[in-house]
Amino acid sequence: MALAEEATKDDDKGLTGPVITFDSLSPEFQKLCSELLVKRDRVRVMNGQPKYETVQGMIDAYAELGLVKGWSREEAESEVVRFLQRRVLQDEGGNDGEGMDTAAFAMLGLNGAIIVYATAVNQGWLPPVSFGS
């Protein structure tokens, strides 16, 4: 019964998983999270919000905001770590508009168009294009 009560209390708090700490991350992942925080701070500044400056600064802000949900400082740290982990993974796997990503997607689109055109010509749906006389 105590486990059910504890699970309910955590669910009410809106936590996204078991409590983890920044120190439990590998040094490489800590570095990626810190680098991502710099990007996050740039976005915050552009939105007129104050910078977090450091992971500890972000934890402080989450701890203050989490008071209304009954979060402990450890739970706030856990939510910060999970947020940063998700963003790092999203950043690593996504198209952020860098030149190579854009060129790769453009080539993929061009190849798709060529395949569709070749199929249409072979099926007789379109006449072949002739260049020259």
C-alpha atoms as a PDB file:
ATOM      1  CA  MET A   1       0.000   0.000   0.000  1.00  0.00           C
ATOM      2  CA  ALA A   2       2.872   2.386   0.768  1.00  0.00           C
ATOM      3  CA  LEU A   3       4.248   1.924  -2.774  1.00  0.00           C
ATOM      4  CA  ALA A   4       0.906   2.875  -4.301  1.00  0.00           C
ATOM      5  CA  GLU A   5       0.719   5.994  -2.137  1.00  0.00           C
ATOM      6  CA  GLU A   6       4.287   6.948  -3.087  1.00  0.00           C
ATOM      7  CA  ALA A   7       3.572   6.413  -6.801  1.00  0.00           C
ATOM      8  CA  THR A   8       0.477   8.575  -6.556  1.00  0.00           C
ATOM      9  CA  LYS A   9       2.400  11.326  -4.804  1.00  0.00           C
ATOM     10  CA  ASP A  10       5.065  11.309  -7.567  1.00  0.00           C
ATOM     11  CA  ASP A  11       2.408  11.276 -10.294  1.00  0.00           C
ATOM     12  CA  ASP A  12       0.745  14.292  -8.707  1.00  0.00           C
ATOM     13  CA  LYS A  13       4.063  16.120  -8.871  1.00  0.00           C
ATOM     14  CA  GLY A  14       4.277  15.710 -12.648  1.00  0.00           C
ATOM     15  CA  LEU A  15       7.734  14.141 -12.615  1.00  0.00           C
ATOM     16  CA  THR A  16       8.877  12.529 -15.862  1.00  0.00           C
ATOM     17  CA  GLY A  17      10.675   9.563 -14.273  1.00  0.00           C
ATOM     18  CA  PRO A  18      12.769   8.369 -11.363  1.00  0.00           C
ATOM     19  CA  VAL A  19      15.123  10.881  -9.769  1.00  0.00           C
ATOM     20  CA  ILE A  20      18.520  11.186 -11.480  1.00  0.00           C
ATOM     21  CA  THR A  21      21.387  13.606 -10.962  1.00  0.00           C
ATOM     22  CA  PHE A  22      23.625  15.577 -13.270  1.00  0.00           C
ATOM     23  CA  ASP A  23      26.652  13.944 -11.646  1.00  0.00           C
ATOM     24  CA  SER A  24      25.322  10.502 -12.637  1.00  0.00           C
ATOM     25  CA  LEU A  25      25.749  11.379 -16.337  1.00  0.00           C
ATOM     26  CA  SER A  26      28.924  10.450 -18.164  1.00  0.00           C
ATOM     27  CA  PRO A  27      31.445  13.303 -18.491  1.00  0.00           C
ATOM     28  CA  GLU A  28      30.817  13.398 -22.257  1.00  0.00           C
ATOM     29  CA  PHE A  29      27.064  13.722 -21.783  1.00  0.00           C
ATOM     30  CA  GLN A  30      27.561  16.351 -19.078  1.00  0.00           C
ATOM     31  CA  LYS A  31      29.601  18.349 -21.589  1.00  0.00           C
ATOM     32  CA  LEU A  32      26.883  18.000 -24.260  1.00  0.00           C
ATOM     33  CA  CYS A  33      24.240  19.116 -21.748  1.00  0.00           C
ATOM     34  CA  SER A  34      26.325  22.140 -20.770  1.00  0.00           C
ATOM     35  CA  GLU A  35      26.829  23.064 -24.431  1.00  0.00           C
ATOM     36  CA  LEU A  36      23.101  22.742 -25.042  1.00  0.00           C
ATOM     37  CA  LEU A  37      22.436  25.019 -22.078  1.00  0.00           C
ATOM     38  CA  VAL A  38      24.419  27.754 -23.863  1.00  0.00           C
ATOM     39  CA  LYS A  39      22.042  27.427 -26.846  1.00  0.00           C
ATOM     40  CA  ARG A  40      19.061  27.414 -24.489  1.00  0.00           C
ATOM     41  CA  ASP A  41      20.301  30.608 -22.842  1.00  0.00           C
ATOM     42  CA  ARG A  42      20.518  32.311 -26.260  1.00  0.00           C
ATOM     43  CA  VAL A  43      16.868  31.461 -26.906  1.00  0.00           C
ATOM     44  CA  ARG A  44      15.901  32.700 -23.457  1.00  0.00           C
ATOM     45  CA  VAL A  45      17.671  36.018 -24.018  1.00  0.00           C
ATOM     46  CA  MET A  46      15.917  36.465 -27.381  1.00  0.00           C
ATOM     47  CA  ASN A  47      12.596  35.856 -25.604  1.00  0.00           C
ATOM     48  CA  GLY A  48      13.406  38.466 -22.958  1.00  0.00           C
ATOM     49  CA  GLN A  49      14.035  35.887 -20.234  1.00  0.00           C
ATOM     50  CA  PRO A  50      17.093  35.762 -17.976  1.00  0.00           C
ATOM     51  CA  LYS A  51      19.898  33.305 -18.687  1.00  0.00           C
ATOM     52  CA  TYR A  52      20.419  30.270 -16.489  1.00  0.00           C
ATOM     53  CA  GLU A  53      24.216  30.635 -16.977  1.00  0.00           C
ATOM     54  CA  THR A  54      24.971  27.184 -15.503  1.00  0.00           C
ATOM     55  CA  VAL A  55      23.249  23.858 -14.945  1.00  0.00           C
ATOM     56  CA  GLN A  56      23.052  24.768 -11.250  1.00  0.00           C
ATOM     57  CA  GLY A  57      21.345  28.029 -12.203  1.00  0.00           C
ATOM     58  CA  MET A  58      18.766  26.087 -14.199  1.00  0.00           C
ATOM     59  CA  ILE A  59      18.256  23.714 -11.265  1.00  0.00           C
ATOM     60  CA  ASP A  60      17.734  26.709  -8.960  1.00  0.00           C
ATOM     61  CA  ALA A  61      15.052  28.076 -11.308  1.00  0.00           C
ATOM     62  CA  TYR A  62      13.310  24.702 -11.591  1.00  0.00           C
ATOM     63  CA  ALA A  63      13.452  24.235  -7.801  1.00  0.00           C
ATOM     64  CA  GLU A  64      11.719  27.569  -7.333  1.00  0.00           C
ATOM     65  CA  LEU A  65       9.086  26.827  -9.994  1.00  0.00           C
ATOM     66  CA  GLY A  66       8.626  23.289  -8.663  1.00  0.00           C
ATOM     67  CA  LEU A  67       7.686  24.491  -5.185  1.00  0.00           C
ATOM     68  CA  VAL A  68       4.031  24.698  -6.240  1.00  0.00           C
ATOM     69  CA  LYS A  69       4.179  21.029  -7.289  1.00  0.00           C
ATOM     70  CA  GLY A  70       5.956  20.006  -4.095  1.00  0.00           C
ATOM     71  CA  TRP A  71       9.271  19.189  -5.785  1.00  0.00           C
ATOM     72  CA  SER A  72      12.393  18.737  -3.697  1.00  0.00           C
ATOM     73  CA  ARG A  73      15.655  20.167  -5.003  1.00  0.00           C
ATOM     74  CA  GLU A  74      16.681  16.640  -6.079  1.00  0.00           C
ATOM     75  CA  GLU A  75      13.467  16.266  -8.071  1.00  0.00           C
ATOM     76  CA  ALA A  76      14.036  19.648  -9.720  1.00  0.00           C
ATOM     77  CA  GLU A  77      17.572  18.578 -10.649  1.00  0.00           C
ATOM     78  CA  SER A  78      16.188  15.363 -12.100  1.00  0.00           C
ATOM     79  CA  GLU A  79      13.719  17.274 -14.274  1.00  0.00           C
ATOM     80  CA  VAL A  80      16.494  19.592 -15.490  1.00  0.00           C
ATOM     81  CA  VAL A  81      18.710  16.616 -16.345  1.00  0.00           C
ATOM     82  CA  ARG A  82      15.868  14.881 -18.209  1.00  0.00           C
ATOM     83  CA  PHE A  83      15.038  18.074 -20.118  1.00  0.00           C
ATOM     84  CA  LEU A  84      18.667  18.537 -21.143  1.00  0.00           C
ATOM     85  CA  GLN A  85      19.014  14.845 -22.090  1.00  0.00           C
ATOM     86  CA  ARG A  86      15.952  15.028 -24.337  1.00  0.00           C
ATOM     87  CA  ARG A  87      17.185  18.219 -25.980  1.00  0.00           C
ATOM     88  CA  VAL A  88      20.692  16.834 -26.552  1.00  0.00           C
ATOM     89  CA  LEU A  89      19.276  13.713 -28.179  1.00  0.00           C
ATOM     90  CA  GLN A  90      16.906  15.817 -30.271  1.00  0.00           C
ATOM     91  CA  ASP A  91      19.739  18.137 -31.262  1.00  0.00           C
ATOM     92  CA  GLU A  92      22.024  15.247 -32.206  1.00  0.00           C
ATOM     93  CA  GLY A  93      19.422  13.504 -34.355  1.00  0.00           C
ATOM     94  CA  GLY A  94      17.593  16.388 -35.956  1.00  0.00           C
ATOM     95  CA  ASN A  95      17.996  18.587 -38.997  1.00  0.00           C
ATOM     96  CA  ASP A  96      19.117  21.882 -37.568  1.00  0.00           C
ATOM     97  CA  GLY A  97      19.447  23.490 -40.999  1.00  0.00           C
ATOM     98  CA  GLU A  98      23.180  23.066 -41.335  1.00  0.00           C
ATOM     99  CA  GLY A  99      24.514  23.070 -44.894  1.00  0.00           C
ATOM    100  CA  MET A 100      25.143  19.352 -45.167  1.00  0.00           C
ATOM    101  CA  ASP A 101      21.659  18.503 -43.877  1.00  0.00           C
ATOM    102  CA  THR A 102      20.020  20.874 -46.328  1.00  0.00           C
ATOM    103  CA  ALA A 103      22.111  19.590 -49.258  1.00  0.00           C
ATOM    104  CA  ALA A 104      21.367  15.967 -48.369  1.00  0.00           C
ATOM    105  CA  PHE A 105      17.619  16.605 -48.238  1.00  0.00           C
ATOM    106  CA  ALA A 106      17.745  18.549 -51.517  1.00  0.00           C
ATOM    107  CA  MET A 107      19.552  15.650 -53.217  1.00  0.00           C
ATOM    108  CA  LEU A 108      17.053  13.179 -51.765  1.00  0.00           C
ATOM    109  CA  GLY A 109      14.176  15.249 -53.145  1.00  0.00           C
ATOM    110  CA  LEU A 110      15.825  15.522 -56.562  1.00  0.00           C
ATOM    111  CA  ASN A 111      16.397  11.761 -56.690  1.00  0.00           C
ATOM    112  CA  GLY A 112      12.760  11.168 -55.790  1.00  0.00           C
ATOM    113  CA  ALA A 113      11.595  13.507 -58.550  1.00  0.00           C
ATOM    114  CA  ILE A 114      13.811  11.756 -61.106  1.00  0.00           C
ATOM    115  CA  ILE A 115      12.434   8.355 -60.109  1.00  0.00           C
ATOM    116  CA  VAL A 116       8.832   9.580 -60.370  1.00  0.00           C
ATOM    117  CA  TYR A 117       9.523  11.180 -63.770  1.00  0.00           C
ATOM    118  CA  ALA A 118      11.283   8.057 -65.115  1.00  0.00           C
ATOM    119  CA  THR A 119       8.381   5.874 -63.981  1.00  0.00           C
ATOM    120  CA  ALA A 120       5.856   8.230 -65.620  1.00  0.00           C
ATOM    121  CA  VAL A 121       7.798   8.178 -68.923  1.00  0.00           C
ATOM    122  CA  ASN A 122       8.169   4.366 -68.852  1.00  0.00           C
ATOM    123  CA  GLN A 123       4.421   3.974 -68.227  1.00  0.00           C
ATOM    124  CA  GLY A 124       3.603   6.342 -71.082  1.00  0.00           C
ATOM    125  CA  TRP A 125       1.965   8.905 -68.818  1.00  0.00           C
ATOM    126  CA  LEU A 126       4.399  11.632 -69.891  1.00  0.00           C
ATOM    127  CA  PRO A 127       6.409  12.167 -73.076  1.00  0.00           C
ATOM    128  CA  PRO A 128      10.183  12.055 -72.670  1.00  0.00           C
ATOM    129  CA  VAL A 129      11.976  15.390 -72.589  1.00  0.00           C
ATOM    130  CA  SER A 130      14.376  15.921 -75.472  1.00  0.00           C
ATOM    131  CA  PHE A 131      17.220  18.385 -75.328  1.00  0.00           C
ATOM    132  CA  GLY A 132      18.402  19.777 -78.628  1.00  0.00           C
ATOM    133  CA  SER A 133      17.096  19.221 -82.142  1.00  0.00           C
END
